């Protein structure tokens, strides 16, 4: 199934990678790869990921990083709503809606 990424979620991933790279050389690249690998898993088996509370979202927790990807399986595509550091304020992203083309 096709994956669409909210522009804010894409920016969150880029910001996280830039930040990690400043903290430790090579870790920005590793985070970007972990996110891409997670996207492949989400595309392949979206229902394999746990639901996020009572919302329409599911969550994919990155194993080696403190980030979670929140996504929803819609009729025509899987929509990535947020890439969130696990220590950030929860649910700041929950009211996001898919962007139109």
PDB file of N, CA and C in Angstrom:
ATOM      1  N   UNK A   1       0.851  -1.175   0.000  1.00  0.00           N
ATOM      2  CA  UNK A   1       0.000   0.000   0.000  1.00  0.00           C
ATOM      3  C   UNK A   1       0.897   1.239   0.000  1.00  0.00           C
ATOM      4  N   UNK A   2       0.430   2.272  -0.648  1.00  0.00           N
ATOM      5  CA  UNK A   2       1.192   3.518  -0.748  1.00  0.00           C
ATOM      6  C   UNK A   2       1.269   4.215   0.611  1.00  0.00           C
ATOM      7  N   UNK A   3       2.403   4.863   0.844  1.00  0.00           N
ATOM      8  CA  UNK A   3       2.631   5.581   2.097  1.00  0.00           C
ATOM      9  C   UNK A   3       2.682   7.073   1.805  1.00  0.00           C
ATOM     10  N   UNK A   4       1.935   7.854   2.562  1.00  0.00           N
ATOM     11  CA  UNK A   4       2.010   9.321   2.478  1.00  0.00           C
ATOM     12  C   UNK A   4       2.459   9.842   3.824  1.00  0.00           C
ATOM     13  N   UNK A   5       3.361  10.786   3.785  1.00  0.00           N
ATOM     14  CA  UNK A   5       3.952  11.314   5.011  1.00  0.00           C
ATOM     15  C   UNK A   5       3.555  12.776   5.164  1.00  0.00           C
ATOM     16  N   UNK A   6       2.945  13.106   6.278  1.00  0.00           N
ATOM     17  CA  UNK A   6       2.575  14.496   6.552  1.00  0.00           C
ATOM     18  C   UNK A   6       3.847  15.346   6.519  1.00  0.00           C
ATOM     19  N   UNK A   7       3.774  16.547   5.994  1.00  0.00           N
ATOM     20  CA  UNK A   7       4.957  17.406   5.872  1.00  0.00           C
ATOM     21  C   UNK A   7       5.602  17.675   7.234  1.00  0.00           C
ATOM     22  N   UNK A   8       4.780  17.800   8.281  1.00  0.00           N
ATOM     23  CA  UNK A   8       5.337  18.016   9.621  1.00  0.00           C
ATOM     24  C   UNK A   8       6.073  16.767  10.115  1.00  0.00           C
ATOM     25  N   UNK A   9       5.557  15.590   9.783  1.00  0.00           N
ATOM     26  CA  UNK A   9       6.222  14.341  10.173  1.00  0.00           C
ATOM     27  C   UNK A   9       7.566  14.210   9.457  1.00  0.00           C
ATOM     28  N   UNK A  10       7.595  14.571   8.182  1.00  0.00           N
ATOM     29  CA  UNK A  10       8.850  14.530   7.433  1.00  0.00           C
ATOM     30  C   UNK A  10       9.868  15.483   8.050  1.00  0.00           C
ATOM     31  N   UNK A  11       9.411  16.660   8.414  1.00  0.00           N
ATOM     32  CA  UNK A  11      10.303  17.640   9.045  1.00  0.00           C
ATOM     33  C   UNK A  11      10.780  17.146  10.411  1.00  0.00           C
ATOM     34  N   UNK A  12       9.908  16.498  11.158  1.00  0.00           N
ATOM     35  CA  UNK A  12      10.304  15.944  12.458  1.00  0.00           C
ATOM     36  C   UNK A  12      11.425  14.921  12.297  1.00  0.00           C
ATOM     37  N   UNK A  13      11.304  14.076  11.297  1.00  0.00           N
ATOM     38  CA  UNK A  13      12.348  13.084  11.038  1.00  0.00           C
ATOM     39  C   UNK A  13      13.662  13.736  10.639  1.00  0.00           C
ATOM     40  N   UNK A  14      13.590  14.739   9.767  1.00  0.00           N
ATOM     41  CA  UNK A  14      14.816  15.456   9.349  1.00  0.00           C
ATOM     42  C   UNK A  14      15.457  16.178  10.522  1.00  0.00           C
ATOM     43  N   UNK A  15      14.642  16.853  11.324  1.00  0.00           N
ATOM     44  CA  UNK A  15      15.169  17.570  12.493  1.00  0.00           C
ATOM     45  C   UNK A  15      15.846  16.610  13.470  1.00  0.00           C
ATOM     46  N   UNK A  16      15.218  15.474  13.702  1.00  0.00           N
ATOM     47  CA  UNK A  16      15.784  14.488  14.623  1.00  0.00           C
ATOM     48  C   UNK A  16      17.127  13.977  14.112  1.00  0.00           C
ATOM     49  N   UNK A  17      17.198  13.695  12.821  1.00  0.00           N
ATOM     50  CA  UNK A  17      18.450  13.204  12.234  1.00  0.00           C
ATOM     51  C   UNK A  17      19.544  14.269  12.320  1.00  0.00           C
ATOM     52  N   UNK A  18      19.195  15.517  12.040  1.00  0.00           N
ATOM     53  CA  UNK A  18      20.191  16.594  12.139  1.00  0.00           C
ATOM     54  C   UNK A  18      20.692  16.733  13.577  1.00  0.00           C
ATOM     55  N   UNK A  19      19.771  16.691  14.517  1.00  0.00           N
ATOM     56  CA  UNK A  19      20.146  16.816  15.923  1.00  0.00           C
ATOM     57  C   UNK A  19      21.073  15.668  16.343  1.00  0.00           C
ATOM     58  N   UNK A  20      20.683  14.442  16.022  1.00  0.00           N
ATOM     59  CA  UNK A  20      21.517  13.302  16.408  1.00  0.00           C
ATOM     60  C   UNK A  20      22.902  13.367  15.773  1.00  0.00           C
ATOM     61  N   UNK A  21      22.955  13.851  14.562  1.00  0.00           N
ATOM     62  CA  UNK A  21      24.254  13.959  13.874  1.00  0.00           C
ATOM     63  C   UNK A  21      25.173  14.933  14.601  1.00  0.00           C
ATOM     64  N   UNK A  22      24.602  15.995  15.181  1.00  0.00           N
ATOM     65  CA  UNK A  22      25.440  16.950  15.921  1.00  0.00           C
ATOM     66  C   UNK A  22      25.926  16.355  17.239  1.00  0.00           C
ATOM     67  N   UNK A  23      25.179  15.403  17.765  1.00  0.00           N
ATOM     68  CA  UNK A  23      25.537  14.782  19.038  1.00  0.00           C
ATOM     69  C   UNK A  23      26.548  13.651  18.863  1.00  0.00           C
ATOM     70  N   UNK A  24      26.406  12.912  17.768  1.00  0.00           N
ATOM     71  CA  UNK A  24      27.287  11.777  17.539  1.00  0.00           C
ATOM     72  C   UNK A  24      27.363  11.493  16.040  1.00  0.00           C
ATOM     73  N   UNK A  25      28.536  11.608  15.502  1.00  0.00           N
ATOM     74  CA  UNK A  25      28.768  11.433  14.062  1.00  0.00           C
ATOM     75  C   UNK A  25      28.220  10.097  13.571  1.00  0.00           C
ATOM     76  N   UNK A  26      27.445  10.149  12.496  1.00  0.00           N
ATOM     77  CA  UNK A  26      26.897   8.958  11.878  1.00  0.00           C
ATOM     78  C   UNK A  26      25.520   8.556  12.379  1.00  0.00           C
ATOM     79  N   UNK A  27      25.090   9.115  13.506  1.00  0.00           N
ATOM     80  CA  UNK A  27      23.804   8.706  14.072  1.00  0.00           C
ATOM     81  C   UNK A  27      22.612   9.307  13.341  1.00  0.00           C
ATOM     82  N   UNK A  28      22.802  10.435  12.706  1.00  0.00           N
ATOM     83  CA  UNK A  28      21.722  10.991  11.889  1.00  0.00           C
ATOM     84  C   UNK A  28      21.403  10.066  10.736  1.00  0.00           C
ATOM     85  N   UNK A  29      22.443   9.561  10.095  1.00  0.00           N
ATOM     86  CA  UNK A  29      22.265   8.618   8.984  1.00  0.00           C
ATOM     87  C   UNK A  29      21.602   7.332   9.483  1.00  0.00           C
ATOM     88  N   UNK A  30      22.017   6.864  10.650  1.00  0.00           N
ATOM     89  CA  UNK A  30      21.434   5.641  11.211  1.00  0.00           C
ATOM     90  C   UNK A  30      19.948   5.825  11.535  1.00  0.00           C
ATOM     91  N   UNK A  31      19.593   6.980  12.049  1.00  0.00           N
ATOM     92  CA  UNK A  31      18.180   7.241  12.327  1.00  0.00           C
ATOM     93  C   UNK A  31      17.384   7.292  11.032  1.00  0.00           C
ATOM     94  N   UNK A  32      17.898   7.989  10.028  1.00  0.00           N
ATOM     95  CA  UNK A  32      17.193   8.046   8.738  1.00  0.00           C
ATOM     96  C   UNK A  32      16.961   6.645   8.186  1.00  0.00           C
ATOM     97  N   UNK A  33      17.965   5.780   8.307  1.00  0.00           N
ATOM     98  CA  UNK A  33      17.823   4.406   7.820  1.00  0.00           C
ATOM     99  C   UNK A  33      16.790   3.639   8.644  1.00  0.00           C
ATOM    100  N   UNK A  34      16.793   3.835   9.954  1.00  0.00           N
ATOM    101  CA  UNK A  34      15.818   3.167  10.818  1.00  0.00           C
ATOM    102  C   UNK A  34      14.395   3.597  10.465  1.00  0.00           C
ATOM    103  N   UNK A  35      14.217   4.867  10.154  1.00  0.00           N
ATOM    104  CA  UNK A  35      12.902   5.371   9.758  1.00  0.00           C
ATOM    105  C   UNK A  35      12.480   4.739   8.434  1.00  0.00           C
ATOM    106  N   UNK A  36      13.389   4.693   7.470  1.00  0.00           N
ATOM    107  CA  UNK A  36      13.069   4.081   6.174  1.00  0.00           C
ATOM    108  C   UNK A  36      12.729   2.602   6.326  1.00  0.00           C
ATOM    109  N   UNK A  37      13.480   1.895   7.162  1.00  0.00           N
ATOM    110  CA  UNK A  37      13.192   0.479   7.420  1.00  0.00           C
ATOM    111  C   UNK A  37      11.822   0.311   8.068  1.00  0.00           C
ATOM    112  N   UNK A  38      11.489   1.204   8.997  1.00  0.00           N
ATOM    113  CA  UNK A  38      10.178   1.158   9.648  1.00  0.00           C
ATOM    114  C   UNK A  38       9.065   1.398   8.627  1.00  0.00           C
ATOM    115  N   UNK A  39       9.285   2.354   7.712  1.00  0.00           N
ATOM    116  CA  UNK A  39       8.281   2.612   6.676  1.00  0.00           C
ATOM    117  C   UNK A  39       8.022   1.356   5.844  1.00  0.00           C
ATOM    118  N   UNK A  40       9.067   0.608   5.522  1.00  0.00           N
ATOM    119  CA  UNK A  40       8.906  -0.632   4.755  1.00  0.00           C
ATOM    120  C   UNK A  40       8.055  -1.637   5.524  1.00  0.00           C
ATOM    121  N   UNK A  41       8.320  -1.775   6.812  1.00  0.00           N
ATOM    122  CA  UNK A  41       7.544  -2.695   7.651  1.00  0.00           C
ATOM    123  C   UNK A  41       6.096  -2.255   7.769  1.00  0.00           C
ATOM    124  N   UNK A  42       5.891  -0.966   7.918  1.00  0.00           N
ATOM    125  CA  UNK A  42       4.531  -0.425   8.022  1.00  0.00           C
ATOM    126  C   UNK A  42       3.767  -0.699   6.732  1.00  0.00           C
ATOM    127  N   UNK A  43       4.406  -0.452   5.584  1.00  0.00           N
ATOM    128  CA  UNK A  43       3.770  -0.704   4.292  1.00  0.00           C
ATOM    129  C   UNK A  43       3.394  -2.175   4.138  1.00  0.00           C
ATOM    130  N   UNK A  44       4.304  -3.037   4.544  1.00  0.00           N
ATOM    131  CA  UNK A  44       4.128  -4.479   4.374  1.00  0.00           C
ATOM    132  C   UNK A  44       3.015  -5.032   5.275  1.00  0.00           C
ATOM    133  N   UNK A  45       2.992  -4.600   6.538  1.00  0.00           N
ATOM    134  CA  UNK A  45       2.050  -5.182   7.514  1.00  0.00           C
ATOM    135  C   UNK A  45       1.560  -4.131   8.514  1.00  0.00           C
ATOM    136  N   UNK A  46       0.742  -3.203   8.081  1.00  0.00           N
ATOM    137  CA  UNK A  46       0.320  -2.131   8.997  1.00  0.00           C
ATOM    138  C   UNK A  46      -0.430  -2.639  10.231  1.00  0.00           C
ATOM    139  N   UNK A  47      -1.181  -3.707  10.078  1.00  0.00           N
ATOM    140  CA  UNK A  47      -1.959  -4.222  11.212  1.00  0.00           C
ATOM    141  C   UNK A  47      -1.098  -4.953  12.241  1.00  0.00           C
ATOM    142  N   UNK A  48       0.164  -5.168  11.938  1.00  0.00           N
ATOM    143  CA  UNK A  48       1.070  -5.823  12.885  1.00  0.00           C
ATOM    144  C   UNK A  48       1.462  -4.887  14.030  1.00  0.00           C
ATOM    145  N   UNK A  49       1.188  -3.598  13.877  1.00  0.00           N
ATOM    146  CA  UNK A  49       1.567  -2.609  14.887  1.00  0.00           C
ATOM    147  C   UNK A  49       0.384  -2.322  15.802  1.00  0.00           C
ATOM    148  N   UNK A  50       0.661  -2.081  17.078  1.00  0.00           N
ATOM    149  CA  UNK A  50      -0.433  -1.875  18.032  1.00  0.00           C
ATOM    150  C   UNK A  50      -1.181  -0.570  17.799  1.00  0.00           C
ATOM    151  N   UNK A  51      -2.465  -0.616  18.134  1.00  0.00           N
ATOM    152  CA  UNK A  51      -3.277   0.600  18.081  1.00  0.00           C
ATOM    153  C   UNK A  51      -2.792   1.561  19.154  1.00  0.00           C
ATOM    154  N   UNK A  52      -2.957   2.849  18.883  1.00  0.00           N
ATOM    155  CA  UNK A  52      -2.585   3.883  19.839  1.00  0.00           C
ATOM    156  C   UNK A  52      -3.831   4.316  20.585  1.00  0.00           C
ATOM    157  N   UNK A  53      -4.041   3.752  21.737  1.00  0.00           N
ATOM    158  CA  UNK A  53      -5.215   4.081  22.548  1.00  0.00           C
ATOM    159  C   UNK A  53      -6.498   3.822  21.792  1.00  0.00           C
ATOM    160  N   UNK A  54      -7.433   4.767  21.908  1.00  0.00           N
ATOM    161  CA  UNK A  54      -8.723   4.653  21.223  1.00  0.00           C
ATOM    162  C   UNK A  54      -8.743   5.414  19.901  1.00  0.00           C
ATOM    163  N   UNK A  55      -7.584   5.864  19.457  1.00  0.00           N
ATOM    164  CA  UNK A  55      -7.515   6.664  18.233  1.00  0.00           C
ATOM    165  C   UNK A  55      -7.499   5.765  16.999  1.00  0.00           C
ATOM    166  N   UNK A  56      -7.497   6.380  15.847  1.00  0.00           N
ATOM    167  CA  UNK A  56      -7.401   5.643  14.582  1.00  0.00           C
ATOM    168  C   UNK A  56      -5.954   5.294  14.240  1.00  0.00           C
ATOM    169  N   UNK A  57      -5.029   5.716  15.088  1.00  0.00           N
ATOM    170  CA  UNK A  57      -3.607   5.557  14.792  1.00  0.00           C
ATOM    171  C   UNK A  57      -3.020   4.264  15.346  1.00  0.00           C
ATOM    172  N   UNK A  58      -1.941   3.859  14.718  1.00  0.00           N
ATOM    173  CA  UNK A  58      -1.094   2.774  15.190  1.00  0.00           C
ATOM    174  C   UNK A  58       0.284   3.368  15.441  1.00  0.00           C
ATOM    175  N   UNK A  59       1.113   2.637  16.179  1.00  0.00           N
ATOM    176  CA  UNK A  59       2.440   3.168  16.480  1.00  0.00           C
ATOM    177  C   UNK A  59       3.518   2.138  16.185  1.00  0.00           C
ATOM    178  N   UNK A  60       4.613   2.648  15.676  1.00  0.00           N
ATOM    179  CA  UNK A  60       5.791   1.852  15.380  1.00  0.00           C
ATOM    180  C   UNK A  60       6.937   2.451  16.194  1.00  0.00           C
ATOM    181  N   UNK A  61       7.387   1.713  17.191  1.00  0.00           N
ATOM    182  CA  UNK A  61       8.461   2.179  18.060  1.00  0.00           C
ATOM    183  C   UNK A  61       9.790   1.756  17.449  1.00  0.00           C
ATOM    184  N   UNK A  62      10.663   2.725  17.202  1.00  0.00           N
ATOM    185  CA  UNK A  62      11.986   2.399  16.665  1.00  0.00           C
ATOM    186  C   UNK A  62      12.821   1.756  17.756  1.00  0.00           C
ATOM    187  N   UNK A  63      13.459   0.648  17.458  1.00  0.00           N
ATOM    188  CA  UNK A  63      14.149  -0.142  18.461  1.00  0.00           C
ATOM    189  C   UNK A  63      15.401   0.527  19.028  1.00  0.00           C
ATOM    190  N   UNK A  64      16.212   1.138  18.195  1.00  0.00           N
ATOM    191  CA  UNK A  64      17.498   1.659  18.671  1.00  0.00           C
ATOM    192  C   UNK A  64      17.492   3.163  18.937  1.00  0.00           C
ATOM    193  N   UNK A  65      16.350   3.764  18.740  1.00  0.00           N
ATOM    194  CA  UNK A  65      16.233   5.203  18.949  1.00  0.00           C
ATOM    195  C   UNK A  65      14.979   5.485  19.761  1.00  0.00           C
ATOM    196  N   UNK A  66      14.924   6.621  20.387  1.00  0.00           N
ATOM    197  CA  UNK A  66      13.764   6.989  21.216  1.00  0.00           C
ATOM    198  C   UNK A  66      12.713   7.725  20.400  1.00  0.00           C
ATOM    199  N   UNK A  67      12.332   7.137  19.287  1.00  0.00           N
ATOM    200  CA  UNK A  67      11.339   7.744  18.404  1.00  0.00           C
ATOM    201  C   UNK A  67      10.238   6.752  18.097  1.00  0.00           C
ATOM    202  N   UNK A  68       9.037   7.295  17.905  1.00  0.00           N
ATOM    203  CA  UNK A  68       7.876   6.502  17.542  1.00  0.00           C
ATOM    204  C   UNK A  68       7.245   7.127  16.309  1.00  0.00           C
ATOM    205  N   UNK A  69       6.845   6.286  15.374  1.00  0.00           N
ATOM    206  CA  UNK A  69       6.136   6.726  14.179  1.00  0.00           C
ATOM    207  C   UNK A  69       4.656   6.410  14.386  1.00  0.00           C
ATOM    208  N   UNK A  70       3.813   7.420  14.236  1.00  0.00           N
ATOM    209  CA  UNK A  70       2.373   7.246  14.350  1.00  0.00           C
ATOM    210  C   UNK A  70       1.767   7.316  12.949  1.00  0.00           C
ATOM    211  N   UNK A  71       0.906   6.347  12.646  1.00  0.00           N
ATOM    212  CA  UNK A  71       0.326   6.285  11.308  1.00  0.00           C
ATOM    213  C   UNK A  71      -1.096   5.757  11.374  1.00  0.00           C
ATOM    214  N   UNK A  72      -1.832   6.007  10.299  1.00  0.00           N
ATOM    215  CA  UNK A  72      -3.208   5.516  10.177  1.00  0.00           C
ATOM    216  C   UNK A  72      -3.356   4.840   8.824  1.00  0.00           C
ATOM    217  N   UNK A  73      -4.055   3.729   8.827  1.00  0.00           N
ATOM    218  CA  UNK A  73      -4.339   3.020   7.581  1.00  0.00           C
ATOM    219  C   UNK A  73      -5.668   3.544   7.045  1.00  0.00           C
ATOM    220  N   UNK A  74      -5.599   4.280   5.951  1.00  0.00           N
ATOM    221  CA  UNK A  74      -6.794   4.846   5.333  1.00  0.00           C
ATOM    222  C   UNK A  74      -7.180   3.984   4.132  1.00  0.00           C
ATOM    223  N   UNK A  75      -8.267   4.307   3.468  1.00  0.00           N
ATOM    224  CA  UNK A  75      -8.738   3.480   2.344  1.00  0.00           C
ATOM    225  C   UNK A  75      -7.715   3.369   1.219  1.00  0.00           C
ATOM    226  N   UNK A  76      -7.127   4.481   0.820  1.00  0.00           N
ATOM    227  CA  UNK A  76      -6.275   4.487  -0.361  1.00  0.00           C
ATOM    228  C   UNK A  76      -4.782   4.487  -0.058  1.00  0.00           C
ATOM    229  N   UNK A  77      -4.405   4.755   1.176  1.00  0.00           N
ATOM    230  CA  UNK A  77      -2.992   4.824   1.518  1.00  0.00           C
ATOM    231  C   UNK A  77      -2.808   4.742   3.029  1.00  0.00           C
ATOM    232  N   UNK A  78      -1.551   4.533   3.405  1.00  0.00           N
ATOM    233  CA  UNK A  78      -1.172   4.602   4.816  1.00  0.00           C
ATOM    234  C   UNK A  78      -0.610   5.985   5.038  1.00  0.00           C
ATOM    235  N   UNK A  79      -1.122   6.653   6.041  1.00  0.00           N
ATOM    236  CA  UNK A  79      -0.735   8.036   6.296  1.00  0.00           C
ATOM    237  C   UNK A  79       0.110   8.131   7.564  1.00  0.00           C
ATOM    238  N   UNK A  80       1.332   8.643   7.416  1.00  0.00           N
ATOM    239  CA  UNK A  80       2.214   8.866   8.556  1.00  0.00           C
ATOM    240  C   UNK A  80       1.934  10.264   9.098  1.00  0.00           C
ATOM    241  N   UNK A  81       1.455  10.318  10.330  1.00  0.00           N
ATOM    242  CA  UNK A  81       1.063  11.593  10.935  1.00  0.00           C
ATOM    243  C   UNK A  81       2.207  12.258  11.679  1.00  0.00           C
ATOM    244  N   UNK A  82       3.119  11.458  12.287  1.00  0.00           N
ATOM    245  CA  UNK A  82       4.155  12.064  13.130  1.00  0.00           C
ATOM    246  C   UNK A  82       5.329  11.109  13.338  1.00  0.00           C
ATOM    247  N   UNK A  83       6.487  11.721  13.527  1.00  0.00           N
ATOM    248  CA  UNK A  83       7.706  11.027  13.974  1.00  0.00           C
ATOM    249  C   UNK A  83       8.090  11.747  15.261  1.00  0.00           C
ATOM    250  N   UNK A  84       7.877  11.096  16.402  1.00  0.00           N
ATOM    251  CA  UNK A  84       7.902  11.763  17.693  1.00  0.00           C
ATOM    252  C   UNK A  84       8.973  11.194  18.616  1.00  0.00           C
ATOM    253  N   UNK A  85       9.739  12.088  19.233  1.00  0.00           N
ATOM    254  CA  UNK A  85      10.653  11.647  20.287  1.00  0.00           C
ATOM    255  C   UNK A  85       9.801  11.225  21.482  1.00  0.00           C
ATOM    256  N   UNK A  86      10.167  10.134  22.099  1.00  0.00           N
ATOM    257  CA  UNK A  86       9.334   9.566  23.160  1.00  0.00           C
ATOM    258  C   UNK A  86       9.280  10.414  24.422  1.00  0.00           C
ATOM    259  N   UNK A  87      10.140  11.401  24.555  1.00  0.00           N
ATOM    260  CA  UNK A  87      10.101  12.289  25.718  1.00  0.00           C
ATOM    261  C   UNK A  87       9.349  13.588  25.437  1.00  0.00           C
ATOM    262  N   UNK A  88       8.856  13.757  24.201  1.00  0.00           N
ATOM    263  CA  UNK A  88       8.115  14.976  23.870  1.00  0.00           C
ATOM    264  C   UNK A  88       6.720  14.937  24.460  1.00  0.00           C
ATOM    265  N   UNK A  89       6.112  16.084  24.455  1.00  0.00           N
ATOM    266  CA  UNK A  89       4.724  16.193  24.915  1.00  0.00           C
ATOM    267  C   UNK A  89       3.859  15.248  24.079  1.00  0.00           C
ATOM    268  N   UNK A  90       3.127  14.360  24.721  1.00  0.00           N
ATOM    269  CA  UNK A  90       2.343  13.391  23.961  1.00  0.00           C
ATOM    270  C   UNK A  90       1.169  14.038  23.246  1.00  0.00           C
ATOM    271  N   UNK A  91       0.859  13.498  22.111  1.00  0.00           N
ATOM    272  CA  UNK A  91      -0.351  13.836  21.354  1.00  0.00           C
ATOM    273  C   UNK A  91      -0.409  15.253  20.792  1.00  0.00           C
ATOM    274  N   UNK A  92       0.704  15.974  20.749  1.00  0.00           N
ATOM    275  CA  UNK A  92       0.669  17.314  20.153  1.00  0.00           C
ATOM    276  C   UNK A  92       0.261  17.245  18.682  1.00  0.00           C
ATOM    277  N   UNK A  93       0.435  16.116  18.058  1.00  0.00           N
ATOM    278  CA  UNK A  93       0.220  15.908  16.633  1.00  0.00           C
ATOM    279  C   UNK A  93      -1.158  15.301  16.320  1.00  0.00           C
ATOM    280  N   UNK A  94      -1.896  14.890  17.332  1.00  0.00           N
ATOM    281  CA  UNK A  94      -3.072  14.023  17.168  1.00  0.00           C
ATOM    282  C   UNK A  94      -4.168  14.637  16.281  1.00  0.00           C
ATOM    283  N   UNK A  95      -4.233  15.958  16.172  1.00  0.00           N
ATOM    284  CA  UNK A  95      -5.274  16.592  15.354  1.00  0.00           C
ATOM    285  C   UNK A  95      -4.855  16.843  13.903  1.00  0.00           C
ATOM    286  N   UNK A  96      -3.687  16.361  13.541  1.00  0.00           N
ATOM    287  CA  UNK A  96      -3.254  16.523  12.139  1.00  0.00           C
ATOM    288  C   UNK A  96      -4.179  15.728  11.224  1.00  0.00           C
ATOM    289  N   UNK A  97      -4.313  16.262  10.020  1.00  0.00           N
ATOM    290  CA  UNK A  97      -5.113  15.592   8.998  1.00  0.00           C
ATOM    291  C   UNK A  97      -4.250  15.386   7.757  1.00  0.00           C
ATOM    292  N   UNK A  98      -4.574  14.383   6.947  1.00  0.00           N
ATOM    293  CA  UNK A  98      -3.805  14.183   5.711  1.00  0.00           C
ATOM    294  C   UNK A  98      -3.862  15.441   4.842  1.00  0.00           C
ATOM    295  N   UNK A  99      -2.763  15.736   4.228  1.00  0.00           N
ATOM    296  CA  UNK A  99      -2.678  16.885   3.348  1.00  0.00           C
ATOM    297  C   UNK A  99      -3.182  16.489   1.962  1.00  0.00           C
ATOM    298  N   UNK A 100      -3.759  17.435   1.252  1.00  0.00           N
ATOM    299  CA  UNK A 100      -4.222  17.168  -0.094  1.00  0.00           C
ATOM    300  C   UNK A 100      -3.088  17.390  -1.070  1.00  0.00           C
ATOM    301  N   UNK A 101      -3.153  16.686  -2.180  1.00  0.00           N
ATOM    302  CA  UNK A 101      -2.092  16.813  -3.197  1.00  0.00           C
ATOM    303  C   UNK A 101      -2.088  18.148  -3.862  1.00  0.00           C
TER     304      UNK A 101
END
